[in-house]
Amino acid sequence: MTPPSMSLESDLQTLQSSGEAAIAEADNLEALEKIRLDYLGKKGKVSKVLGGDG
């Protein structure tokens, strides 16, 4: 079994990679705002990983 800290670190690295890819593909400000909310919003991907709700 993977220690929780290793899993958290791995999950955050995966989110970083996918977020960077999404940002690179965004072609306008609206797309960037949607990405920001998807990742950093109250119910976003980062909150789910850090809160354990993922």
N, C-alpha and C. Protein backbone atom coordinates (compact mmCIF):
# COMPACT_ATOMS: atom_id res chain seq x y z
N MET A 1 0.85 -1.19 0.00
CA MET A 1 0.00 0.00 0.00
C MET A 1 0.88 1.24 0.00
N THR A 2 0.50 2.25 -0.79
CA THR A 2 1.26 3.48 -0.89
C THR A 2 0.95 4.38 0.30
N PRO A 3 1.98 4.93 0.94
CA PRO A 3 1.73 5.86 2.05
C PRO A 3 0.92 7.05 1.55
N PRO A 4 0.04 7.61 2.39
CA PRO A 4 -0.81 8.73 1.96
C PRO A 4 -0.03 9.90 1.37
N SER A 5 1.13 10.24 1.93
CA SER A 5 1.88 11.38 1.43
C SER A 5 2.38 11.13 0.01
N MET A 6 2.75 9.90 -0.30
CA MET A 6 3.21 9.58 -1.65
C MET A 6 2.04 9.68 -2.63
N SER A 7 0.88 9.22 -2.22
CA SER A 7 -0.30 9.28 -3.07
C SER A 7 -0.70 10.73 -3.31
N LEU A 8 -0.68 11.54 -2.27
CA LEU A 8 -1.03 12.95 -2.40
C LEU A 8 -0.06 13.64 -3.35
N GLU A 9 1.22 13.39 -3.17
CA GLU A 9 2.23 14.00 -4.03
C GLU A 9 2.02 13.58 -5.48
N SER A 10 1.76 12.32 -5.69
CA SER A 10 1.52 11.80 -7.04
C SER A 10 0.27 12.43 -7.65
N ASP A 11 -0.80 12.52 -6.86
CA ASP A 11 -2.04 13.12 -7.34
C ASP A 11 -1.83 14.59 -7.72
N LEU A 12 -1.08 15.31 -6.91
CA LEU A 12 -0.83 16.73 -7.20
C LEU A 12 0.05 16.90 -8.44
N GLN A 13 1.02 16.01 -8.62
CA GLN A 13 1.85 16.07 -9.82
C GLN A 13 1.02 15.78 -11.07
N THR A 14 0.11 14.83 -10.96
CA THR A 14 -0.78 14.51 -12.09
C THR A 14 -1.67 15.71 -12.41
N LEU A 15 -2.22 16.35 -11.38
CA LEU A 15 -3.04 17.54 -11.59
C LEU A 15 -2.24 18.66 -12.23
N GLN A 16 -1.00 18.83 -11.79
CA GLN A 16 -0.15 19.87 -12.36
C GLN A 16 0.06 19.62 -13.85
N SER A 17 0.38 18.40 -14.20
CA SER A 17 0.62 18.06 -15.61
C SER A 17 -0.63 18.29 -16.46
N SER A 18 -1.77 17.81 -15.96
CA SER A 18 -2.99 17.97 -16.75
C SER A 18 -3.41 19.44 -16.82
N GLY A 19 -3.19 20.17 -15.74
CA GLY A 19 -3.50 21.60 -15.74
C GLY A 19 -2.64 22.38 -16.71
N GLU A 20 -1.37 22.08 -16.73
CA GLU A 20 -0.46 22.76 -17.67
C GLU A 20 -0.85 22.45 -19.11
N ALA A 21 -1.24 21.22 -19.38
CA ALA A 21 -1.67 20.85 -20.73
C ALA A 21 -2.95 21.59 -21.11
N ALA A 22 -3.88 21.68 -20.17
CA ALA A 22 -5.13 22.39 -20.44
C ALA A 22 -4.88 23.87 -20.71
N ILE A 23 -3.99 24.46 -19.93
CA ILE A 23 -3.65 25.88 -20.12
C ILE A 23 -3.01 26.09 -21.49
N ALA A 24 -2.13 25.21 -21.88
CA ALA A 24 -1.46 25.33 -23.17
C ALA A 24 -2.46 25.24 -24.33
N GLU A 25 -3.54 24.50 -24.15
CA GLU A 25 -4.54 24.33 -25.20
C GLU A 25 -5.60 25.44 -25.20
N ALA A 26 -5.68 26.21 -24.13
CA ALA A 26 -6.70 27.27 -24.04
C ALA A 26 -6.41 28.33 -25.10
N ASP A 27 -7.48 28.73 -25.80
CA ASP A 27 -7.28 29.69 -26.89
C ASP A 27 -7.91 31.06 -26.62
N ASN A 28 -8.53 31.21 -25.43
CA ASN A 28 -9.09 32.51 -25.09
C ASN A 28 -9.23 32.63 -23.57
N LEU A 29 -9.58 33.82 -23.13
CA LEU A 29 -9.68 34.06 -21.69
C LEU A 29 -10.80 33.27 -21.04
N GLU A 30 -11.89 33.06 -21.75
CA GLU A 30 -13.00 32.28 -21.21
C GLU A 30 -12.56 30.85 -20.91
N ALA A 31 -11.77 30.28 -21.81
CA ALA A 31 -11.27 28.92 -21.60
C ALA A 31 -10.34 28.88 -20.38
N LEU A 32 -9.50 29.89 -20.23
CA LEU A 32 -8.61 29.95 -19.06
C LEU A 32 -9.40 30.08 -17.77
N GLU A 33 -10.46 30.86 -17.78
CA GLU A 33 -11.29 31.03 -16.58
C GLU A 33 -11.96 29.70 -16.22
N LYS A 34 -12.43 28.98 -17.20
CA LYS A 34 -13.06 27.68 -16.94
C LYS A 34 -12.04 26.72 -16.33
N ILE A 35 -10.83 26.72 -16.84
CA ILE A 35 -9.76 25.88 -16.30
C ILE A 35 -9.47 26.27 -14.85
N ARG A 36 -9.39 27.57 -14.61
CA ARG A 36 -9.13 28.06 -13.25
C ARG A 36 -10.19 27.55 -12.28
N LEU A 37 -11.44 27.65 -12.68
CA LEU A 37 -12.52 27.19 -11.81
C LEU A 37 -12.51 25.67 -11.66
N ASP A 38 -12.23 24.96 -12.74
CA ASP A 38 -12.19 23.49 -12.69
C ASP A 38 -11.11 23.00 -11.72
N TYR A 39 -10.00 23.72 -11.66
CA TYR A 39 -8.90 23.28 -10.81
C TYR A 39 -8.89 23.94 -9.44
N LEU A 40 -9.19 25.23 -9.37
CA LEU A 40 -9.00 25.98 -8.13
C LEU A 40 -10.28 26.41 -7.44
N GLY A 41 -11.41 26.14 -8.06
CA GLY A 41 -12.69 26.51 -7.46
C GLY A 41 -12.98 25.72 -6.19
N LYS A 42 -14.01 26.14 -5.48
CA LYS A 42 -14.37 25.52 -4.21
C LYS A 42 -14.60 24.01 -4.35
N LYS A 43 -15.18 23.60 -5.46
CA LYS A 43 -15.41 22.18 -5.73
C LYS A 43 -14.48 21.67 -6.82
N GLY A 44 -13.34 22.33 -6.96
CA GLY A 44 -12.39 22.00 -8.01
C GLY A 44 -11.55 20.78 -7.70
N LYS A 45 -10.75 20.42 -8.68
CA LYS A 45 -9.92 19.22 -8.60
C LYS A 45 -8.91 19.29 -7.47
N VAL A 46 -8.30 20.44 -7.26
CA VAL A 46 -7.30 20.58 -6.19
C VAL A 46 -7.96 20.41 -4.82
N SER A 47 -9.11 21.03 -4.64
CA SER A 47 -9.83 20.91 -3.37
C SER A 47 -10.21 19.46 -3.08
N LYS A 48 -10.61 18.74 -4.12
CA LYS A 48 -10.99 17.34 -3.94
C LYS A 48 -9.79 16.50 -3.51
N VAL A 49 -8.64 16.74 -4.12
CA VAL A 49 -7.45 15.96 -3.76
C VAL A 49 -6.99 16.30 -2.35
N LEU A 50 -6.93 17.59 -2.04
CA LEU A 50 -6.45 18.01 -0.72
C LEU A 50 -7.45 17.68 0.38
N GLY A 51 -8.73 17.67 0.04
CA GLY A 51 -9.76 17.37 1.03
C GLY A 51 -10.08 15.90 1.14
N GLY A 52 -9.53 15.10 0.23
CA GLY A 52 -9.77 13.67 0.28
C GLY A 52 -11.11 13.27 -0.30
N ASP A 53 -11.77 14.19 -1.01
CA ASP A 53 -13.07 13.89 -1.61
C ASP A 53 -12.95 13.38 -3.03
N GLY A 54 -11.71 13.19 -3.50
CA GLY A 54 -11.45 12.78 -4.88
C GLY A 54 -11.88 11.41 -5.13
